[in-house]
Amino acid sequence: MGLVAVALVLAPDSVHAGTGGTAFDDVWTTLKDWTQGTLGRIVAGAMILVGVVGGIARQSLMAFAMGIGGGMGLYNSPTVVESIMSATLEHADKIAPAAIHLTNGLGA
């Protein structure tokens, strides 16, 4: 029994980053449409407006910058999430020896 457990730990299955499965595609499409559509633009505009008002009240540009950053982050977040979750390593087999050498410092 212990030998089987050790074998399973030493030989894990391959991992694929978000390249399959369509169970939540409708939900993702809805959220993306909301954040990059009219609703997202209204919320981003409101964040900027609140930042302007906060900047005037505090006499600082930092609140305005936070509003701009929040609005831009809200609008671009679906693109960032899609880029991260669908990232694949096309040349991993060529890079692996160099990465192993860098991680342990001993080389092969």
PDB file of N, CA and C in Angstrom:
ATOM      1  N   MET A   1       0.824  -1.195   0.000  1.00  0.00           N
ATOM      2  CA  MET A   1       0.000   0.000   0.000  1.00  0.00           C
ATOM      3  C   MET A   1       0.871   1.264   0.000  1.00  0.00           C
ATOM      4  N   GLY A   2       1.908   1.246   0.808  1.00  0.00           N
ATOM      5  CA  GLY A   2       2.804   2.394   0.876  1.00  0.00           C
ATOM      6  C   GLY A   2       3.536   2.623  -0.429  1.00  0.00           C
ATOM      7  N   LEU A   3       3.888   1.526  -1.112  1.00  0.00           N
ATOM      8  CA  LEU A   3       4.583   1.636  -2.392  1.00  0.00           C
ATOM      9  C   LEU A   3       3.704   2.292  -3.455  1.00  0.00           C
ATOM     10  N   VAL A   4       2.420   1.979  -3.436  1.00  0.00           N
ATOM     11  CA  VAL A   4       1.479   2.592  -4.378  1.00  0.00           C
ATOM     12  C   VAL A   4       1.356   4.085  -4.102  1.00  0.00           C
ATOM     13  N   ALA A   5       1.287   4.467  -2.830  1.00  0.00           N
ATOM     14  CA  ALA A   5       1.184   5.884  -2.476  1.00  0.00           C
ATOM     15  C   ALA A   5       2.423   6.645  -2.920  1.00  0.00           C
ATOM     16  N   VAL A   6       3.603   6.051  -2.716  1.00  0.00           N
ATOM     17  CA  VAL A   6       4.845   6.699  -3.142  1.00  0.00           C
ATOM     18  C   VAL A   6       4.881   6.827  -4.663  1.00  0.00           C
ATOM     19  N   ALA A   7       4.435   5.802  -5.375  1.00  0.00           N
ATOM     20  CA  ALA A   7       4.415   5.854  -6.836  1.00  0.00           C
ATOM     21  C   ALA A   7       3.478   6.943  -7.338  1.00  0.00           C
ATOM     22  N   LEU A   8       2.341   7.116  -6.683  1.00  0.00           N
ATOM     23  CA  LEU A   8       1.402   8.165  -7.093  1.00  0.00           C
ATOM     24  C   LEU A   8       1.959   9.554  -6.833  1.00  0.00           C
ATOM     25  N   VAL A   9       2.699   9.718  -5.755  1.00  0.00           N
ATOM     26  CA  VAL A   9       3.278  11.022  -5.442  1.00  0.00           C
ATOM     27  C   VAL A   9       4.412  11.354  -6.408  1.00  0.00           C
ATOM     28  N   LEU A  10       5.207  10.359  -6.775  1.00  0.00           N
ATOM     29  CA  LEU A  10       6.357  10.610  -7.639  1.00  0.00           C
ATOM     30  C   LEU A  10       6.006  10.729  -9.115  1.00  0.00           C
ATOM     31  N   ALA A  11       4.847  10.265  -9.527  1.00  0.00           N
ATOM     32  CA  ALA A  11       4.451  10.312 -10.936  1.00  0.00           C
ATOM     33  C   ALA A  11       3.088  10.983 -11.082  1.00  0.00           C
ATOM     34  N   PRO A  12       3.013  12.310 -10.863  1.00  0.00           N
ATOM     35  CA  PRO A  12       1.712  12.984 -10.982  1.00  0.00           C
ATOM     36  C   PRO A  12       1.260  13.088 -12.436  1.00  0.00           C
ATOM     37  N   ASP A  13      -0.026  13.226 -12.603  1.00  0.00           N
ATOM     38  CA  ASP A  13      -0.588  13.407 -13.940  1.00  0.00           C
ATOM     39  C   ASP A  13      -0.238  14.786 -14.477  1.00  0.00           C
ATOM     40  N   SER A  14      -0.342  14.940 -15.782  1.00  0.00           N
ATOM     41  CA  SER A  14      -0.102  16.236 -16.405  1.00  0.00           C
ATOM     42  C   SER A  14      -1.194  17.214 -16.002  1.00  0.00           C
ATOM     43  N   VAL A  15      -0.828  18.466 -15.940  1.00  0.00           N
ATOM     44  CA  VAL A  15      -1.775  19.510 -15.579  1.00  0.00           C
ATOM     45  C   VAL A  15      -1.948  20.428 -16.782  1.00  0.00           C
ATOM     46  N   HIS A  16      -3.175  20.743 -17.121  1.00  0.00           N
ATOM     47  CA  HIS A  16      -3.468  21.638 -18.237  1.00  0.00           C
ATOM     48  C   HIS A  16      -4.193  22.858 -17.693  1.00  0.00           C
ATOM     49  N   ALA A  17      -3.734  24.030 -18.064  1.00  0.00           N
ATOM     50  CA  ALA A  17      -4.272  25.269 -17.517  1.00  0.00           C
ATOM     51  C   ALA A  17      -5.463  25.752 -18.316  1.00  0.00           C
ATOM     52  N   GLY A  18      -6.639  25.420 -17.874  1.00  0.00           N
ATOM     53  CA  GLY A  18      -7.862  25.974 -18.428  1.00  0.00           C
ATOM     54  C   GLY A  18      -8.085  25.743 -19.902  1.00  0.00           C
ATOM     55  N   THR A  19      -7.659  24.618 -20.437  1.00  0.00           N
ATOM     56  CA  THR A  19      -7.827  24.403 -21.866  1.00  0.00           C
ATOM     57  C   THR A  19      -9.050  23.565 -22.197  1.00  0.00           C
ATOM     58  N   GLY A  20      -9.785  23.128 -21.213  1.00  0.00           N
ATOM     59  CA  GLY A  20     -10.951  22.293 -21.499  1.00  0.00           C
ATOM     60  C   GLY A  20     -12.100  22.602 -20.565  1.00  0.00           C
ATOM     61  N   GLY A  21     -13.239  22.019 -20.847  1.00  0.00           N
ATOM     62  CA  GLY A  21     -14.402  22.215 -19.990  1.00  0.00           C
ATOM     63  C   GLY A  21     -15.181  23.449 -20.382  1.00  0.00           C
ATOM     64  N   THR A  22     -16.470  23.259 -20.564  1.00  0.00           N
ATOM     65  CA  THR A  22     -17.309  24.388 -20.974  1.00  0.00           C
ATOM     66  C   THR A  22     -18.482  24.588 -20.028  1.00  0.00           C
ATOM     67  N   ALA A  23     -18.385  24.036 -18.821  1.00  0.00           N
ATOM     68  CA  ALA A  23     -19.517  24.086 -17.898  1.00  0.00           C
ATOM     69  C   ALA A  23     -19.871  25.513 -17.491  1.00  0.00           C
ATOM     70  N   PHE A  24     -18.874  26.382 -17.355  1.00  0.00           N
ATOM     71  CA  PHE A  24     -19.129  27.733 -16.873  1.00  0.00           C
ATOM     72  C   PHE A  24     -18.914  28.796 -17.944  1.00  0.00           C
ATOM     73  N   ASP A  25     -18.911  28.408 -19.202  1.00  0.00           N
ATOM     74  CA  ASP A  25     -18.710  29.385 -20.272  1.00  0.00           C
ATOM     75  C   ASP A  25     -19.792  30.460 -20.298  1.00  0.00           C
ATOM     76  N   ASP A  26     -21.036  30.072 -20.054  1.00  0.00           N
ATOM     77  CA  ASP A  26     -22.125  31.057 -20.054  1.00  0.00           C
ATOM     78  C   ASP A  26     -21.949  32.069 -18.930  1.00  0.00           C
ATOM     79  N   VAL A  27     -21.533  31.598 -17.759  1.00  0.00           N
ATOM     80  CA  VAL A  27     -21.315  32.502 -16.624  1.00  0.00           C
ATOM     81  C   VAL A  27     -20.169  33.456 -16.933  1.00  0.00           C
ATOM     82  N   TRP A  28     -19.072  32.916 -17.481  1.00  0.00           N
ATOM     83  CA  TRP A  28     -17.924  33.765 -17.802  1.00  0.00           C
ATOM     84  C   TRP A  28     -18.287  34.804 -18.858  1.00  0.00           C
ATOM     85  N   THR A  29     -19.035  34.399 -19.861  1.00  0.00           N
ATOM     86  CA  THR A  29     -19.449  35.333 -20.906  1.00  0.00           C
ATOM     87  C   THR A  29     -20.312  36.442 -20.323  1.00  0.00           C
ATOM     88  N   THR A  30     -21.216  36.081 -19.416  1.00  0.00           N
ATOM     89  CA  THR A  30     -22.065  37.090 -18.777  1.00  0.00           C
ATOM     90  C   THR A  30     -21.233  38.072 -17.964  1.00  0.00           C
ATOM     91  N   LEU A  31     -20.309  37.565 -17.144  1.00  0.00           N
ATOM     92  CA  LEU A  31     -19.465  38.453 -16.340  1.00  0.00           C
ATOM     93  C   LEU A  31     -18.585  39.341 -17.214  1.00  0.00           C
ATOM     94  N   LYS A  32     -18.070  38.775 -18.291  1.00  0.00           N
ATOM     95  CA  LYS A  32     -17.237  39.564 -19.203  1.00  0.00           C
ATOM     96  C   LYS A  32     -18.061  40.655 -19.878  1.00  0.00           C
ATOM     97  N   ASP A  33     -19.279  40.311 -20.296  1.00  0.00           N
ATOM     98  CA  ASP A  33     -20.151  41.316 -20.908  1.00  0.00           C
ATOM     99  C   ASP A  33     -20.505  42.414 -19.915  1.00  0.00           C
ATOM    100  N   TRP A  34     -20.716  42.038 -18.670  1.00  0.00           N
ATOM    101  CA  TRP A  34     -21.038  43.047 -17.656  1.00  0.00           C
ATOM    102  C   TRP A  34     -19.863  43.989 -17.413  1.00  0.00           C
ATOM    103  N   THR A  35     -18.651  43.437 -17.248  1.00  0.00           N
ATOM    104  CA  THR A  35     -17.522  44.300 -16.910  1.00  0.00           C
ATOM    105  C   THR A  35     -17.033  45.121 -18.095  1.00  0.00           C
ATOM    106  N   GLN A  36     -17.144  44.592 -19.311  1.00  0.00           N
ATOM    107  CA  GLN A  36     -16.657  45.336 -20.466  1.00  0.00           C
ATOM    108  C   GLN A  36     -17.779  45.968 -21.274  1.00  0.00           C
ATOM    109  N   GLY A  37     -18.993  45.810 -20.818  1.00  0.00           N
ATOM    110  CA  GLY A  37     -20.133  46.401 -21.506  1.00  0.00           C
ATOM    111  C   GLY A  37     -20.558  47.700 -20.845  1.00  0.00           C
ATOM    112  N   THR A  38     -21.814  48.020 -21.009  1.00  0.00           N
ATOM    113  CA  THR A  38     -22.348  49.271 -20.477  1.00  0.00           C
ATOM    114  C   THR A  38     -22.289  49.311 -18.958  1.00  0.00           C
ATOM    115  N   LEU A  39     -22.633  48.211 -18.293  1.00  0.00           N
ATOM    116  CA  LEU A  39     -22.592  48.183 -16.830  1.00  0.00           C
ATOM    117  C   LEU A  39     -21.179  48.430 -16.318  1.00  0.00           C
ATOM    118  N   GLY A  40     -20.202  47.791 -16.914  1.00  0.00           N
ATOM    119  CA  GLY A  40     -18.818  47.990 -16.493  1.00  0.00           C
ATOM    120  C   GLY A  40     -18.347  49.413 -16.708  1.00  0.00           C
ATOM    121  N   ARG A  41     -18.769  50.015 -17.796  1.00  0.00           N
ATOM    122  CA  ARG A  41     -18.380  51.408 -18.054  1.00  0.00           C
ATOM    123  C   ARG A  41     -19.038  52.354 -17.065  1.00  0.00           C
ATOM    124  N   ILE A  42     -20.282  52.060 -16.686  1.00  0.00           N
ATOM    125  CA  ILE A  42     -20.963  52.894 -15.688  1.00  0.00           C
ATOM    126  C   ILE A  42     -20.263  52.777 -14.338  1.00  0.00           C
ATOM    127  N   VAL A  43     -19.935  51.544 -13.939  1.00  0.00           N
ATOM    128  CA  VAL A  43     -19.254  51.343 -12.657  1.00  0.00           C
ATOM    129  C   VAL A  43     -17.865  51.974 -12.688  1.00  0.00           C
ATOM    130  N   ALA A  44     -17.127  51.807 -13.793  1.00  0.00           N
ATOM    131  CA  ALA A  44     -15.804  52.420 -13.908  1.00  0.00           C
ATOM    132  C   ALA A  44     -15.910  53.941 -13.867  1.00  0.00           C
ATOM    133  N   GLY A  45     -16.901  54.493 -14.551  1.00  0.00           N
ATOM    134  CA  GLY A  45     -17.118  55.945 -14.494  1.00  0.00           C
ATOM    135  C   GLY A  45     -17.467  56.412 -13.097  1.00  0.00           C
ATOM    136  N   ALA A  46     -18.278  55.625 -12.389  1.00  0.00           N
ATOM    137  CA  ALA A  46     -18.618  55.973 -11.006  1.00  0.00           C
ATOM    138  C   ALA A  46     -17.381  55.926 -10.116  1.00  0.00           C
ATOM    139  N   MET A  47     -16.514  54.950 -10.338  1.00  0.00           N
ATOM    140  CA  MET A  47     -15.277  54.883  -9.554  1.00  0.00           C
ATOM    141  C   MET A  47     -14.409  56.113  -9.805  1.00  0.00           C
ATOM    142  N   ILE A  48     -14.324  56.523 -11.050  1.00  0.00           N
ATOM    143  CA  ILE A  48     -13.537  57.708 -11.379  1.00  0.00           C
ATOM    144  C   ILE A  48     -14.176  58.952 -10.772  1.00  0.00           C
ATOM    145  N   LEU A  49     -15.504  59.049 -10.858  1.00  0.00           N
ATOM    146  CA  LEU A  49     -16.204  60.201 -10.285  1.00  0.00           C
ATOM    147  C   LEU A  49     -16.018  60.274  -8.777  1.00  0.00           C
ATOM    148  N   VAL A  50     -16.130  59.136  -8.103  1.00  0.00           N
ATOM    149  CA  VAL A  50     -15.900  59.111  -6.654  1.00  0.00           C
ATOM    150  C   VAL A  50     -14.452  59.486  -6.354  1.00  0.00           C
ATOM    151  N   GLY A  51     -13.513  59.044  -7.201  1.00  0.00           N
ATOM    152  CA  GLY A  51     -12.120  59.427  -7.023  1.00  0.00           C
ATOM    153  C   GLY A  51     -11.904  60.917  -7.188  1.00  0.00           C
ATOM    154  N   VAL A  52     -12.594  61.527  -8.157  1.00  0.00           N
ATOM    155  CA  VAL A  52     -12.488  62.978  -8.350  1.00  0.00           C
ATOM    156  C   VAL A  52     -13.025  63.712  -7.129  1.00  0.00           C
ATOM    157  N   VAL A  53     -14.201  63.299  -6.651  1.00  0.00           N
ATOM    158  CA  VAL A  53     -14.796  63.949  -5.477  1.00  0.00           C
ATOM    159  C   VAL A  53     -13.900  63.755  -4.256  1.00  0.00           C
ATOM    160  N   GLY A  54     -13.373  62.524  -4.078  1.00  0.00           N
ATOM    161  CA  GLY A  54     -12.468  62.280  -2.956  1.00  0.00           C
ATOM    162  C   GLY A  54     -11.189  63.082  -3.073  1.00  0.00           C
ATOM    163  N   GLY A  55     -10.689  63.229  -4.291  1.00  0.00           N
ATOM    164  CA  GLY A  55      -9.492  64.024  -4.503  1.00  0.00           C
ATOM    165  C   GLY A  55      -9.707  65.492  -4.192  1.00  0.00           C
ATOM    166  N   ILE A  56     -10.887  66.000  -4.548  1.00  0.00           N
ATOM    167  CA  ILE A  56     -11.203  67.399  -4.231  1.00  0.00           C
ATOM    168  C   ILE A  56     -11.355  67.571  -2.727  1.00  0.00           C
ATOM    169  N   ALA A  57     -12.044  66.629  -2.079  1.00  0.00           N
ATOM    170  CA  ALA A  57     -12.273  66.731  -0.636  1.00  0.00           C
ATOM    171  C   ALA A  57     -10.965  66.646   0.144  1.00  0.00           C
ATOM    172  N   ARG A  58     -10.070  65.787  -0.284  1.00  0.00           N
ATOM    173  CA  ARG A  58      -8.804  65.617   0.437  1.00  0.00           C
ATOM    174  C   ARG A  58      -7.694  66.501  -0.117  1.00  0.00           C
ATOM    175  N   GLN A  59      -7.974  67.188  -1.180  1.00  0.00           N
ATOM    176  CA  GLN A  59      -7.001  68.030  -1.869  1.00  0.00           C
ATOM    177  C   GLN A  59      -5.751  67.225  -2.231  1.00  0.00           C
ATOM    178  N   SER A  60      -6.010  66.074  -2.830  1.00  0.00           N
ATOM    179  CA  SER A  60      -4.934  65.174  -3.216  1.00  0.00           C
ATOM    180  C   SER A  60      -5.324  64.480  -4.518  1.00  0.00           C
ATOM    181  N   LEU A  61      -4.356  64.221  -5.347  1.00  0.00           N
ATOM    182  CA  LEU A  61      -4.608  63.508  -6.592  1.00  0.00           C
ATOM    183  C   LEU A  61      -4.631  61.993  -6.398  1.00  0.00           C
ATOM    184  N   MET A  62      -4.266  61.523  -5.203  1.00  0.00           N
ATOM    185  CA  MET A  62      -4.184  60.082  -4.983  1.00  0.00           C
ATOM    186  C   MET A  62      -5.552  59.415  -5.102  1.00  0.00           C
ATOM    187  N   ALA A  63      -6.597  60.002  -4.566  1.00  0.00           N
ATOM    188  CA  ALA A  63      -7.934  59.414  -4.673  1.00  0.00           C
ATOM    189  C   ALA A  63      -8.382  59.369  -6.134  1.00  0.00           C
ATOM    190  N   PHE A  64      -8.055  60.398  -6.891  1.00  0.00           N
ATOM    191  CA  PHE A  64      -8.370  60.409  -8.318  1.00  0.00           C
ATOM    192  C   PHE A  64      -7.622  59.290  -9.032  1.00  0.00           C
ATOM    193  N   ALA A  65      -6.345  59.113  -8.697  1.00  0.00           N
ATOM    194  CA  ALA A  65      -5.551  58.046  -9.309  1.00  0.00           C
ATOM    195  C   ALA A  65      -6.105  56.673  -8.940  1.00  0.00           C
ATOM    196  N   MET A  66      -6.573  56.505  -7.714  1.00  0.00           N
ATOM    197  CA  MET A  66      -7.163  55.233  -7.300  1.00  0.00           C
ATOM    198  C   MET A  66      -8.450  54.960  -8.077  1.00  0.00           C
ATOM    199  N   GLY A  67      -9.239  55.990  -8.323  1.00  0.00           N
ATOM    200  CA  GLY A  67     -10.456  55.825  -9.118  1.00  0.00           C
ATOM    201  C   GLY A  67     -10.145  55.425 -10.550  1.00  0.00           C
ATOM    202  N   ILE A  68      -9.153  56.080 -11.137  1.00  0.00           N
ATOM    203  CA  ILE A  68      -8.727  55.735 -12.498  1.00  0.00           C
ATOM    204  C   ILE A  68      -8.204  54.293 -12.535  1.00  0.00           C
ATOM    205  N   GLY A  69      -7.352  53.946 -11.576  1.00  0.00           N
ATOM    206  CA  GLY A  69      -6.790  52.592 -11.525  1.00  0.00           C
ATOM    207  C   GLY A  69      -7.859  51.534 -11.318  1.00  0.00           C
ATOM    208  N   GLY A  70      -8.826  51.812 -10.447  1.00  0.00           N
ATOM    209  CA  GLY A  70      -9.913  50.864 -10.220  1.00  0.00           C
ATOM    210  C   GLY A  70     -10.778  50.683 -11.452  1.00  0.00           C
ATOM    211  N   GLY A  71     -11.077  51.770 -12.131  1.00  0.00           N
ATOM    212  CA  GLY A  71     -11.874  51.682 -13.355  1.00  0.00           C
ATOM    213  C   GLY A  71     -11.159  50.920 -14.453  1.00  0.00           C
ATOM    214  N   MET A  72      -9.871  51.191 -14.620  1.00  0.00           N
ATOM    215  CA  MET A  72      -9.096  50.469 -15.632  1.00  0.00           C
ATOM    216  C   MET A  72      -8.957  48.997 -15.265  1.00  0.00           C
ATOM    217  N   GLY A  73      -8.755  48.720 -13.978  1.00  0.00           N
ATOM    218  CA  GLY A  73      -8.640  47.334 -13.530  1.00  0.00           C
ATOM    219  C   GLY A  73      -9.922  46.560 -13.741  1.00  0.00           C
ATOM    220  N   LEU A  74     -11.052  47.194 -13.456  1.00  0.00           N
ATOM    221  CA  LEU A  74     -12.344  46.541 -13.652  1.00  0.00           C
ATOM    222  C   LEU A  74     -12.568  46.215 -15.122  1.00  0.00           C
ATOM    223  N   TYR A  75     -12.266  47.154 -15.993  1.00  0.00           N
ATOM    224  CA  TYR A  75     -12.512  46.946 -17.418  1.00  0.00           C
ATOM    225  C   TYR A  75     -11.585  45.876 -18.001  1.00  0.00           C
ATOM    226  N   ASN A  76     -10.329  45.855 -17.577  1.00  0.00           N
ATOM    227  CA  ASN A  76      -9.345  44.939 -18.166  1.00  0.00           C
ATOM    228  C   ASN A  76      -9.226  43.609 -17.441  1.00  0.00           C
ATOM    229  N   SER A  77      -9.922  43.418 -16.329  1.00  0.00           N
ATOM    230  CA  SER A  77      -9.770  42.183 -15.562  1.00  0.00           C
ATOM    231  C   SER A  77     -10.154  40.921 -16.335  1.00  0.00           C
ATOM    232  N   PRO A  78     -11.196  40.887 -17.172  1.00  0.00           N
ATOM    233  CA  PRO A  78     -11.463  39.655 -17.922  1.00  0.00           C
ATOM    234  C   PRO A  78     -10.329  39.268 -18.871  1.00  0.00           C
ATOM    235  N   THR A  79      -9.708  40.251 -19.496  1.00  0.00           N
ATOM    236  CA  THR A  79      -8.595  39.968 -20.399  1.00  0.00           C
ATOM    237  C   THR A  79      -7.415  39.387 -19.631  1.00  0.00           C
ATOM    238  N   VAL A  80      -7.137  39.946 -18.458  1.00  0.00           N
ATOM    239  CA  VAL A  80      -6.029  39.453 -17.640  1.00  0.00           C
ATOM    240  C   VAL A  80      -6.304  38.028 -17.174  1.00  0.00           C
ATOM    241  N   VAL A  81      -7.523  37.771 -16.706  1.00  0.00           N
ATOM    242  CA  VAL A  81      -7.874  36.432 -16.227  1.00  0.00           C
ATOM    243  C   VAL A  81      -7.791  35.421 -17.366  1.00  0.00           C
ATOM    244  N   GLU A  82      -8.286  35.765 -18.544  1.00  0.00           N
ATOM    245  CA  GLU A  82      -8.205  34.848 -19.685  1.00  0.00           C
ATOM    246  C   GLU A  82      -6.759  34.573 -20.077  1.00  0.00           C
ATOM    247  N   SER A  83      -5.912  35.585 -20.027  1.00  0.00           N
ATOM    248  CA  SER A  83      -4.502  35.392 -20.373  1.00  0.00           C
ATOM    249  C   SER A  83      -3.808  34.471 -19.382  1.00  0.00           C
ATOM    250  N   ILE A  84      -4.108  34.637 -18.104  1.00  0.00           N
ATOM    251  CA  ILE A  84      -3.466  33.811 -17.083  1.00  0.00           C
ATOM    252  C   ILE A  84      -3.988  32.383 -17.126  1.00  0.00           C
ATOM    253  N   MET A  85      -5.286  32.212 -17.209  1.00  0.00           N
ATOM    254  CA  MET A  85      -5.876  30.882 -17.106  1.00  0.00           C
ATOM    255  C   MET A  85      -5.723  30.047 -18.372  1.00  0.00           C
ATOM    256  N   SER A  86      -5.462  30.653 -19.500  1.00  0.00           N
ATOM    257  CA  SER A  86      -5.298  29.873 -20.726  1.00  0.00           C
ATOM    258  C   SER A  86      -3.844  29.804 -21.167  1.00  0.00           C
ATOM    259  N   ALA A  87      -2.923  30.181 -20.291  1.00  0.00           N
ATOM    260  CA  ALA A  87      -1.507  30.151 -20.637  1.00  0.00           C
ATOM    261  C   ALA A  87      -1.030  28.710 -20.765  1.00  0.00           C
ATOM    262  N   THR A  88      -0.306  28.442 -21.814  1.00  0.00           N
ATOM    263  CA  THR A  88       0.291  27.122 -22.015  1.00  0.00           C
ATOM    264  C   THR A  88       1.773  27.293 -22.318  1.00  0.00           C
ATOM    265  N   LEU A  89       2.530  26.275 -22.034  1.00  0.00           N
ATOM    266  CA  LEU A  89       3.966  26.303 -22.293  1.00  0.00           C
ATOM    267  C   LEU A  89       4.251  25.476 -23.536  1.00  0.00           C
ATOM    268  N   GLU A  90       4.410  26.140 -24.658  1.00  0.00           N
ATOM    269  CA  GLU A  90       4.625  25.444 -25.921  1.00  0.00           C
ATOM    270  C   GLU A  90       6.023  24.844 -26.014  1.00  0.00           C
ATOM    271  N   HIS A  91       7.000  25.486 -25.398  1.00  0.00           N
ATOM    272  CA  HIS A  91       8.385  25.044 -25.524  1.00  0.00           C
ATOM    273  C   HIS A  91       8.927  24.531 -24.195  1.00  0.00           C
ATOM    274  N   ALA A  92       8.072  23.960 -23.360  1.00  0.00           N
ATOM    275  CA  ALA A  92       8.490  23.501 -22.037  1.00  0.00           C
ATOM    276  C   ALA A  92       9.523  22.391 -22.119  1.00  0.00           C
ATOM    277  N   ASP A  93       9.423  21.516 -23.104  1.00  0.00           N
ATOM    278  CA  ASP A  93      10.375  20.412 -23.214  1.00  0.00           C
ATOM    279  C   ASP A  93      11.789  20.902 -23.512  1.00  0.00           C
ATOM    280  N   LYS A  94      11.915  22.047 -24.182  1.00  0.00           N
ATOM    281  CA  LYS A  94      13.233  22.595 -24.496  1.00  0.00           C
ATOM    282  C   LYS A  94      13.802  23.394 -23.330  1.00  0.00           C
ATOM    283  N   ILE A  95      12.922  23.953 -22.497  1.00  0.00           N
ATOM    284  CA  ILE A  95      13.350  24.802 -21.392  1.00  0.00           C
ATOM    285  C   ILE A  95      13.616  24.000 -20.125  1.00  0.00           C
ATOM    286  N   ALA A  96      13.022  22.830 -19.999  1.00  0.00           N
ATOM    287  CA  ALA A  96      13.095  22.051 -18.764  1.00  0.00           C
ATOM    288  C   ALA A  96      14.522  21.797 -18.283  1.00  0.00           C
ATOM    289  N   PRO A  97      15.477  21.372 -19.122  1.00  0.00           N
ATOM    290  CA  PRO A  97      16.834  21.141 -18.596  1.00  0.00           C
ATOM    291  C   PRO A  97      17.469  22.400 -18.001  1.00  0.00           C
ATOM    292  N   ALA A  98      17.267  23.544 -18.642  1.00  0.00           N
ATOM    293  CA  ALA A  98      17.824  24.785 -18.108  1.00  0.00           C
ATOM    294  C   ALA A  98      17.152  25.167 -16.800  1.00  0.00           C
ATOM    295  N   ALA A  99      15.846  24.960 -16.711  1.00  0.00           N
ATOM    296  CA  ALA A  99      15.130  25.288 -15.478  1.00  0.00           C
ATOM    297  C   ALA A  99      15.565  24.383 -14.341  1.00  0.00           C
ATOM    298  N   ILE A 100      15.779  23.113 -14.623  1.00  0.00           N
ATOM    299  CA  ILE A 100      16.241  22.190 -13.584  1.00  0.00           C
ATOM    300  C   ILE A 100      17.634  22.597 -13.111  1.00  0.00           C
ATOM    301  N   HIS A 101      18.489  22.983 -14.037  1.00  0.00           N
ATOM    302  CA  HIS A 101      19.833  23.424 -13.669  1.00  0.00           C
ATOM    303  C   HIS A 101      19.777  24.675 -12.795  1.00  0.00           C
ATOM    304  N   LEU A 102      18.893  25.599 -13.115  1.00  0.00           N
ATOM    305  CA  LEU A 102      18.775  26.821 -12.325  1.00  0.00           C
ATOM    306  C   LEU A 102      18.198  26.563 -10.939  1.00  0.00           C
ATOM    307  N   THR A 103      17.284  25.608 -10.818  1.00  0.00           N
ATOM    308  CA  THR A 103      16.627  25.410  -9.532  1.00  0.00           C
ATOM    309  C   THR A 103      17.513  24.735  -8.513  1.00  0.00           C
ATOM    310  N   ASN A 104      18.356  23.779  -8.922  1.00  0.00           N
ATOM    311  CA  ASN A 104      19.169  23.104  -7.916  1.00  0.00           C
ATOM    312  C   ASN A 104      20.636  23.514  -7.958  1.00  0.00           C
ATOM    313  N   GLY A 105      21.064  24.156  -9.017  1.00  0.00           N
ATOM    314  CA  GLY A 105      22.425  24.652  -9.096  1.00  0.00           C
ATOM    315  C   GLY A 105      23.476  23.595  -9.377  1.00  0.00           C
ATOM    316  N   LEU A 106      23.090  22.336  -9.474  1.00  0.00           N
ATOM    317  CA  LEU A 106      24.065  21.271  -9.655  1.00  0.00           C
ATOM    318  C   LEU A 106      24.226  20.850 -11.099  1.00  0.00           C
ATOM    319  N   GLY A 107      23.200  21.020 -11.900  1.00  0.00           N
ATOM    320  CA  GLY A 107      23.263  20.601 -13.293  1.00  0.00           C
ATOM    321  C   GLY A 107      23.053  19.106 -13.430  1.00  0.00           C
ATOM    322  N   ALA A 108      23.117  18.647 -14.658  1.00  0.00           N
ATOM    323  CA  ALA A 108      22.868  17.218 -14.893  1.00  0.00           C
ATOM    324  C   ALA A 108      24.154  16.458 -15.067  1.00  0.00           C
TER     325      ALA A 108
END
